[in-house]
Amino acid sequence: MCIDDFALCRRVDYGTIMVDSQSHKIIDKIHSRTIDDVAAWLKLYPHLTIVSRDGATLYKNAVIEANPNIQHVSDRFHLLKNLTDYAKKAIQGLLPSKIILAPPEDTIEIPINKAIEHYTDFDRNKLVKVQEVNAPSVNTFEN
């Protein structure tokens, strides 16, 4: 079985939803997130052996109060979220904080040929700007 919270009125009122982990169908909803109410509901199902839940201590404590022998597992959403968060941190730790790209050693000059005569003024100006950007920069130092 899966236990999670849901918003009755966002940021104001929340409840708890119980979902069958096999059929993915809602078993029940209770309009409370208190440990006592959730534990009381769980006690109605003494045959439960596994509960999938998020990391909230509220649900952890409710499950323990209802039956300390129930095995807790992380729900799929939070498992994947935590995995991607840890992977992102690990990858960021391996990479330098700044990567500096060197300018290309060889630049390709695009020749302006007779075909440019058929370009519109807009396209001709774009081509000239591209050539200016791609032109090798010349640093001159005068004494």
N, C-alpha and C. Protein backbone atom coordinates (compact mmCIF):
# COMPACT_ATOMS: atom_id res chain seq x y z
N MET A 1 0.83 -1.17 0.00
CA MET A 1 0.00 0.00 0.00
C MET A 1 0.88 1.24 0.00
N CYS A 2 0.39 2.30 -0.62
CA CYS A 2 1.09 3.58 -0.67
C CYS A 2 0.32 4.61 0.14
N ILE A 3 1.06 5.43 0.87
CA ILE A 3 0.46 6.51 1.66
C ILE A 3 1.10 7.81 1.20
N ASP A 4 0.27 8.81 0.98
CA ASP A 4 0.80 10.13 0.61
C ASP A 4 -0.21 11.19 1.03
N ASP A 5 0.25 12.42 1.06
CA ASP A 5 -0.67 13.51 1.39
C ASP A 5 -1.19 14.14 0.11
N PHE A 6 -2.30 14.84 0.24
CA PHE A 6 -2.86 15.57 -0.89
C PHE A 6 -3.51 16.84 -0.35
N ALA A 7 -3.62 17.82 -1.21
CA ALA A 7 -4.17 19.11 -0.79
C ALA A 7 -5.68 19.14 -0.98
N LEU A 8 -6.38 19.39 0.11
CA LEU A 8 -7.82 19.65 0.01
C LEU A 8 -8.01 21.10 -0.44
N CYS A 9 -7.20 21.98 0.13
CA CYS A 9 -7.14 23.38 -0.25
C CYS A 9 -5.67 23.77 -0.14
N ARG A 10 -5.03 23.99 -1.27
CA ARG A 10 -3.59 24.18 -1.32
C ARG A 10 -3.10 25.20 -0.30
N ARG A 11 -2.05 24.81 0.43
CA ARG A 11 -1.40 25.60 1.48
C ARG A 11 -2.30 25.87 2.68
N VAL A 12 -3.47 25.24 2.72
CA VAL A 12 -4.38 25.48 3.84
C VAL A 12 -4.77 24.17 4.52
N ASP A 13 -5.28 23.22 3.75
CA ASP A 13 -5.85 22.01 4.32
C ASP A 13 -5.40 20.79 3.53
N TYR A 14 -4.88 19.78 4.24
CA TYR A 14 -4.35 18.59 3.59
C TYR A 14 -5.00 17.34 4.17
N GLY A 15 -4.95 16.29 3.39
CA GLY A 15 -5.45 15.00 3.83
C GLY A 15 -4.45 13.92 3.47
N THR A 16 -4.82 12.67 3.75
CA THR A 16 -3.96 11.53 3.46
C THR A 16 -4.71 10.60 2.53
N ILE A 17 -4.00 10.11 1.53
CA ILE A 17 -4.61 9.19 0.57
C ILE A 17 -3.90 7.84 0.66
N MET A 18 -4.69 6.77 0.61
CA MET A 18 -4.16 5.42 0.62
C MET A 18 -4.43 4.80 -0.75
N VAL A 19 -3.38 4.26 -1.38
CA VAL A 19 -3.50 3.72 -2.73
C VAL A 19 -2.99 2.28 -2.74
N ASP A 20 -3.70 1.41 -3.44
CA ASP A 20 -3.26 0.02 -3.61
C ASP A 20 -2.05 0.01 -4.54
N SER A 21 -0.94 -0.53 -4.08
CA SER A 21 0.30 -0.49 -4.87
C SER A 21 0.26 -1.43 -6.07
N GLN A 22 -0.65 -2.39 -6.07
CA GLN A 22 -0.76 -3.31 -7.20
C GLN A 22 -1.66 -2.75 -8.30
N SER A 23 -2.85 -2.31 -7.91
CA SER A 23 -3.83 -1.85 -8.90
C SER A 23 -3.74 -0.34 -9.15
N HIS A 24 -3.03 0.38 -8.28
CA HIS A 24 -2.90 1.84 -8.35
C HIS A 24 -4.25 2.55 -8.18
N LYS A 25 -5.18 1.89 -7.53
CA LYS A 25 -6.49 2.48 -7.27
C LYS A 25 -6.54 3.00 -5.84
N ILE A 26 -7.30 4.07 -5.67
CA ILE A 26 -7.44 4.68 -4.35
C ILE A 26 -8.26 3.75 -3.45
N ILE A 27 -7.70 3.45 -2.29
CA ILE A 27 -8.40 2.63 -1.30
C ILE A 27 -9.28 3.52 -0.43
N ASP A 28 -8.67 4.61 0.05
CA ASP A 28 -9.40 5.49 0.96
C ASP A 28 -8.70 6.84 1.03
N LYS A 29 -9.44 7.83 1.49
CA LYS A 29 -8.89 9.15 1.77
C LYS A 29 -9.37 9.54 3.16
N ILE A 30 -8.46 10.12 3.93
CA ILE A 30 -8.89 10.67 5.21
C ILE A 30 -8.51 12.15 5.22
N HIS A 31 -9.37 12.95 5.77
CA HIS A 31 -9.16 14.40 5.76
C HIS A 31 -8.34 14.83 6.97
N SER A 32 -7.17 14.18 7.09
CA SER A 32 -6.28 14.48 8.20
C SER A 32 -4.88 14.00 7.85
N ARG A 33 -3.89 14.64 8.46
CA ARG A 33 -2.51 14.17 8.35
C ARG A 33 -1.91 13.96 9.73
N THR A 34 -2.73 13.75 10.72
CA THR A 34 -2.19 13.55 12.06
C THR A 34 -1.74 12.10 12.23
N ILE A 35 -0.74 11.92 13.08
CA ILE A 35 -0.22 10.57 13.34
C ILE A 35 -1.32 9.67 13.87
N ASP A 36 -2.11 10.17 14.81
CA ASP A 36 -3.16 9.36 15.42
C ASP A 36 -4.20 8.89 14.40
N ASP A 37 -4.65 9.80 13.53
CA ASP A 37 -5.67 9.43 12.54
C ASP A 37 -5.14 8.43 11.51
N VAL A 38 -3.92 8.66 11.04
CA VAL A 38 -3.33 7.75 10.05
C VAL A 38 -3.06 6.39 10.70
N ALA A 39 -2.52 6.38 11.92
CA ALA A 39 -2.25 5.12 12.62
C ALA A 39 -3.55 4.36 12.88
N ALA A 40 -4.60 5.07 13.26
CA ALA A 40 -5.90 4.42 13.50
C ALA A 40 -6.41 3.76 12.23
N TRP A 41 -6.25 4.43 11.10
CA TRP A 41 -6.68 3.84 9.82
C TRP A 41 -5.85 2.60 9.50
N LEU A 42 -4.53 2.70 9.69
CA LEU A 42 -3.64 1.57 9.38
C LEU A 42 -3.93 0.36 10.28
N LYS A 43 -4.36 0.60 11.51
CA LYS A 43 -4.67 -0.50 12.43
C LYS A 43 -5.86 -1.32 11.95
N LEU A 44 -6.68 -0.75 11.07
CA LEU A 44 -7.82 -1.48 10.51
C LEU A 44 -7.35 -2.57 9.54
N TYR A 45 -6.08 -2.50 9.12
CA TYR A 45 -5.53 -3.45 8.15
C TYR A 45 -4.28 -4.11 8.73
N PRO A 46 -4.46 -5.03 9.68
CA PRO A 46 -3.31 -5.66 10.35
C PRO A 46 -2.49 -6.56 9.42
N HIS A 47 -3.03 -6.91 8.26
CA HIS A 47 -2.32 -7.79 7.33
C HIS A 47 -1.25 -7.06 6.52
N LEU A 48 -1.19 -5.73 6.61
CA LEU A 48 -0.20 -4.97 5.84
C LEU A 48 1.21 -5.35 6.26
N THR A 49 2.07 -5.57 5.27
CA THR A 49 3.47 -5.90 5.57
C THR A 49 4.43 -4.86 5.00
N ILE A 50 4.01 -4.15 3.94
CA ILE A 50 4.86 -3.15 3.30
C ILE A 50 4.04 -1.89 3.05
N VAL A 51 4.64 -0.74 3.35
CA VAL A 51 4.00 0.54 3.06
C VAL A 51 5.00 1.40 2.30
N SER A 52 4.56 1.91 1.17
CA SER A 52 5.36 2.83 0.37
C SER A 52 4.95 4.25 0.76
N ARG A 53 5.95 5.08 1.04
CA ARG A 53 5.63 6.43 1.51
C ARG A 53 6.75 7.38 1.13
N ASP A 54 6.48 8.69 1.30
CA ASP A 54 7.54 9.67 1.10
C ASP A 54 8.38 9.73 2.38
N GLY A 55 9.27 10.68 2.47
CA GLY A 55 10.17 10.75 3.62
C GLY A 55 9.61 11.44 4.84
N ALA A 56 8.33 11.80 4.82
CA ALA A 56 7.74 12.53 5.94
C ALA A 56 7.77 11.70 7.22
N THR A 57 8.26 12.30 8.30
CA THR A 57 8.31 11.58 9.58
C THR A 57 6.92 11.32 10.13
N LEU A 58 5.96 12.13 9.74
CA LEU A 58 4.58 11.93 10.18
C LEU A 58 4.10 10.54 9.79
N TYR A 59 4.28 10.17 8.52
CA TYR A 59 3.82 8.86 8.06
C TYR A 59 4.69 7.74 8.62
N LYS A 60 5.97 8.01 8.78
CA LYS A 60 6.86 7.02 9.39
C LYS A 60 6.37 6.68 10.80
N ASN A 61 6.11 7.71 11.59
CA ASN A 61 5.65 7.50 12.97
C ASN A 61 4.27 6.86 13.03
N ALA A 62 3.39 7.22 12.10
CA ALA A 62 2.05 6.62 12.08
C ALA A 62 2.13 5.13 11.77
N VAL A 63 2.99 4.76 10.82
CA VAL A 63 3.14 3.34 10.46
C VAL A 63 3.73 2.56 11.63
N ILE A 64 4.74 3.13 12.28
CA ILE A 64 5.37 2.46 13.43
C ILE A 64 4.36 2.29 14.57
N GLU A 65 3.55 3.32 14.80
CA GLU A 65 2.54 3.23 15.86
C GLU A 65 1.49 2.17 15.54
N ALA A 66 1.10 2.08 14.27
CA ALA A 66 0.07 1.11 13.87
C ALA A 66 0.61 -0.31 13.93
N ASN A 67 1.82 -0.52 13.43
CA ASN A 67 2.41 -1.86 13.41
C ASN A 67 3.92 -1.71 13.18
N PRO A 68 4.73 -1.90 14.20
CA PRO A 68 6.18 -1.71 14.05
C PRO A 68 6.84 -2.73 13.12
N ASN A 69 6.11 -3.78 12.73
CA ASN A 69 6.68 -4.80 11.85
C ASN A 69 6.50 -4.48 10.37
N ILE A 70 5.75 -3.45 10.05
CA ILE A 70 5.55 -3.07 8.65
C ILE A 70 6.86 -2.54 8.08
N GLN A 71 7.20 -3.02 6.90
CA GLN A 71 8.42 -2.57 6.22
C GLN A 71 8.11 -1.28 5.46
N HIS A 72 9.00 -0.30 5.59
CA HIS A 72 8.84 0.99 4.92
C HIS A 72 9.68 0.99 3.65
N VAL A 73 9.10 1.45 2.54
CA VAL A 73 9.87 1.64 1.30
C VAL A 73 9.57 3.03 0.76
N SER A 74 10.54 3.59 0.07
CA SER A 74 10.36 4.91 -0.52
C SER A 74 9.47 4.79 -1.75
N ASP A 75 8.60 5.78 -1.94
CA ASP A 75 7.76 5.73 -3.14
C ASP A 75 8.61 6.07 -4.37
N ARG A 76 8.11 5.69 -5.52
CA ARG A 76 8.86 5.80 -6.77
C ARG A 76 9.27 7.25 -7.07
N PHE A 77 8.34 8.18 -6.88
CA PHE A 77 8.64 9.58 -7.18
C PHE A 77 9.82 10.08 -6.35
N HIS A 78 9.76 9.86 -5.02
CA HIS A 78 10.82 10.37 -4.15
C HIS A 78 12.12 9.60 -4.32
N LEU A 79 12.02 8.32 -4.64
CA LEU A 79 13.22 7.53 -4.91
C LEU A 79 13.97 8.10 -6.12
N LEU A 80 13.24 8.36 -7.21
CA LEU A 80 13.88 8.93 -8.41
C LEU A 80 14.35 10.36 -8.18
N LYS A 81 13.58 11.14 -7.45
CA LYS A 81 13.98 12.52 -7.17
C LYS A 81 15.27 12.54 -6.36
N ASN A 82 15.34 11.73 -5.31
CA ASN A 82 16.56 11.67 -4.49
C ASN A 82 17.74 11.16 -5.30
N LEU A 83 17.51 10.16 -6.14
CA LEU A 83 18.58 9.61 -6.97
C LEU A 83 19.13 10.67 -7.92
N THR A 84 18.24 11.42 -8.58
CA THR A 84 18.72 12.45 -9.51
C THR A 84 19.40 13.59 -8.76
N ASP A 85 18.91 13.94 -7.57
CA ASP A 85 19.57 14.99 -6.78
C ASP A 85 20.99 14.57 -6.39
N TYR A 86 21.15 13.33 -5.92
CA TYR A 86 22.48 12.85 -5.53
C TYR A 86 23.40 12.72 -6.74
N ALA A 87 22.85 12.24 -7.87
CA ALA A 87 23.66 12.11 -9.09
C ALA A 87 24.12 13.48 -9.57
N LYS A 88 23.24 14.47 -9.51
CA LYS A 88 23.59 15.83 -9.92
C LYS A 88 24.72 16.38 -9.04
N LYS A 89 24.61 16.17 -7.72
CA LYS A 89 25.66 16.63 -6.81
C LYS A 89 26.98 15.94 -7.10
N ALA A 90 26.92 14.63 -7.35
CA ALA A 90 28.15 13.87 -7.61
C ALA A 90 28.82 14.35 -8.89
N ILE A 91 28.03 14.57 -9.93
CA ILE A 91 28.59 15.03 -11.21
C ILE A 91 29.14 16.44 -11.06
N GLN A 92 28.42 17.30 -10.35
CA GLN A 92 28.92 18.67 -10.15
C GLN A 92 30.22 18.66 -9.36
N GLY A 93 30.38 17.70 -8.45
CA GLY A 93 31.61 17.60 -7.68
C GLY A 93 32.79 17.15 -8.51
N LEU A 94 32.52 16.44 -9.60
CA LEU A 94 33.60 15.97 -10.47
C LEU A 94 34.03 17.01 -11.50
N LEU A 95 33.13 17.91 -11.83
CA LEU A 95 33.43 18.90 -12.86
C LEU A 95 33.98 20.18 -12.24
N PRO A 96 34.85 20.86 -12.97
CA PRO A 96 35.31 22.16 -12.46
C PRO A 96 34.15 23.15 -12.45
N SER A 97 34.27 24.15 -11.59
CA SER A 97 33.18 25.12 -11.49
C SER A 97 33.10 26.02 -12.72
N LYS A 98 34.22 26.14 -13.45
CA LYS A 98 34.22 26.98 -14.63
C LYS A 98 34.99 26.26 -15.73
N ILE A 99 34.44 26.25 -16.93
CA ILE A 99 35.11 25.66 -18.09
C ILE A 99 35.41 26.78 -19.06
N ILE A 100 36.69 26.93 -19.37
CA ILE A 100 37.10 28.00 -20.29
C ILE A 100 37.38 27.38 -21.65
N LEU A 101 36.71 27.89 -22.65
CA LEU A 101 36.91 27.40 -24.00
C LEU A 101 37.90 28.31 -24.72
N ALA A 102 38.90 27.69 -25.32
CA ALA A 102 39.89 28.45 -26.07
C ALA A 102 39.31 28.81 -27.44
N PRO A 103 39.69 29.97 -27.97
CA PRO A 103 39.20 30.33 -29.30
C PRO A 103 39.79 29.38 -30.33
N PRO A 104 39.09 29.15 -31.42
CA PRO A 104 39.61 28.23 -32.43
C PRO A 104 40.89 28.77 -33.05
N GLU A 105 41.82 27.86 -33.34
CA GLU A 105 43.09 28.28 -33.92
C GLU A 105 42.93 28.66 -35.39
N ASP A 106 42.15 27.91 -36.10
CA ASP A 106 41.92 28.21 -37.51
C ASP A 106 40.49 28.66 -37.69
N THR A 107 40.33 29.73 -38.41
CA THR A 107 38.98 30.17 -38.73
C THR A 107 38.78 29.98 -40.22
N ILE A 108 37.58 29.72 -40.56
CA ILE A 108 37.25 29.51 -41.97
C ILE A 108 36.68 30.81 -42.51
N GLU A 109 37.26 31.28 -43.57
CA GLU A 109 36.75 32.49 -44.19
C GLU A 109 35.74 32.10 -45.24
N ILE A 110 34.59 32.69 -45.15
CA ILE A 110 33.54 32.41 -46.12
C ILE A 110 33.67 33.45 -47.24
N PRO A 111 34.02 32.99 -48.44
CA PRO A 111 34.21 33.97 -49.52
C PRO A 111 32.88 34.55 -49.97
N ILE A 112 32.92 35.83 -50.23
CA ILE A 112 31.74 36.48 -50.80
C ILE A 112 31.90 36.36 -52.31
N ASN A 113 31.00 35.64 -52.91
CA ASN A 113 31.09 35.46 -54.36
C ASN A 113 29.93 36.16 -55.05
N LYS A 114 29.79 35.87 -56.30
CA LYS A 114 28.76 36.55 -57.08
C LYS A 114 27.35 36.19 -56.62
N ALA A 115 27.21 35.06 -55.91
CA ALA A 115 25.87 34.67 -55.45
C ALA A 115 25.30 35.68 -54.47
N ILE A 116 26.18 36.43 -53.81
CA ILE A 116 25.71 37.42 -52.83
C ILE A 116 24.90 38.52 -53.50
N GLU A 117 25.11 38.70 -54.77
CA GLU A 117 24.36 39.74 -55.49
C GLU A 117 22.86 39.45 -55.47
N HIS A 118 22.50 38.18 -55.34
CA HIS A 118 21.09 37.80 -55.35
C HIS A 118 20.47 37.82 -53.95
N TYR A 119 21.28 38.09 -52.92
CA TYR A 119 20.78 38.15 -51.55
C TYR A 119 20.02 39.44 -51.34
N THR A 120 19.11 39.40 -50.39
CA THR A 120 18.46 40.64 -49.98
C THR A 120 19.46 41.42 -49.14
N ASP A 121 19.19 42.70 -48.94
CA ASP A 121 20.08 43.52 -48.11
C ASP A 121 20.22 42.93 -46.71
N PHE A 122 19.11 42.42 -46.17
CA PHE A 122 19.12 41.84 -44.83
C PHE A 122 20.06 40.64 -44.78
N ASP A 123 19.92 39.71 -45.75
CA ASP A 123 20.78 38.51 -45.78
C ASP A 123 22.23 38.88 -46.03
N ARG A 124 22.47 39.87 -46.88
CA ARG A 124 23.83 40.30 -47.18
C ARG A 124 24.49 40.86 -45.91
N ASN A 125 23.74 41.66 -45.15
CA ASN A 125 24.28 42.21 -43.90
C ASN A 125 24.56 41.11 -42.88
N LYS A 126 23.67 40.11 -42.83
CA LYS A 126 23.90 38.98 -41.92
C LYS A 126 25.19 38.26 -42.27
N LEU A 127 25.41 38.01 -43.56
CA LEU A 127 26.60 37.30 -44.00
C LEU A 127 27.86 38.09 -43.66
N VAL A 128 27.82 39.39 -43.86
CA VAL A 128 28.97 40.23 -43.54
C VAL A 128 29.25 40.17 -42.04
N LYS A 129 28.20 40.21 -41.21
CA LYS A 129 28.39 40.15 -39.76
C LYS A 129 28.98 38.81 -39.34
N VAL A 130 28.52 37.73 -39.96
CA VAL A 130 29.06 36.40 -39.65
C VAL A 130 30.53 36.36 -39.99
N GLN A 131 30.90 36.92 -41.12
CA GLN A 131 32.31 36.92 -41.51
C GLN A 131 33.14 37.76 -40.54
N GLU A 132 32.58 38.86 -40.07
CA GLU A 132 33.31 39.69 -39.11
C GLU A 132 33.53 38.94 -37.80
N VAL A 133 32.52 38.21 -37.36
CA VAL A 133 32.64 37.44 -36.12
C VAL A 133 33.66 36.33 -36.28
N ASN A 134 33.66 35.69 -37.44
CA ASN A 134 34.56 34.57 -37.68
C ASN A 134 35.96 35.00 -38.08
N ALA A 135 36.15 36.28 -38.38
CA ALA A 135 37.47 36.76 -38.79
C ALA A 135 38.43 36.65 -37.62
N PRO A 136 39.67 36.24 -37.89
CA PRO A 136 40.64 36.13 -36.79
C PRO A 136 40.89 37.50 -36.18
N SER A 137 40.92 37.53 -34.86
CA SER A 137 41.17 38.80 -34.20
C SER A 137 42.66 39.08 -34.22
N VAL A 138 42.99 40.32 -34.46
CA VAL A 138 44.40 40.72 -34.53
C VAL A 138 44.67 41.64 -33.35
N ASN A 139 45.59 41.22 -32.52
CA ASN A 139 45.99 42.05 -31.39
C ASN A 139 47.24 42.82 -31.79
N THR A 140 47.15 44.12 -31.77
CA THR A 140 48.32 44.94 -32.08
C THR A 140 48.72 45.68 -30.83
N PHE A 141 49.99 45.63 -30.54
CA PHE A 141 50.51 46.33 -29.38
C PHE A 141 51.49 47.38 -29.88
N GLU A 142 51.17 48.60 -29.61
CA GLU A 142 52.07 49.67 -30.03
C GLU A 142 52.87 50.14 -28.85
N ASN A 143 54.13 50.41 -29.10
CA ASN A 143 55.00 50.89 -28.02
C ASN A 143 54.97 52.38 -27.93
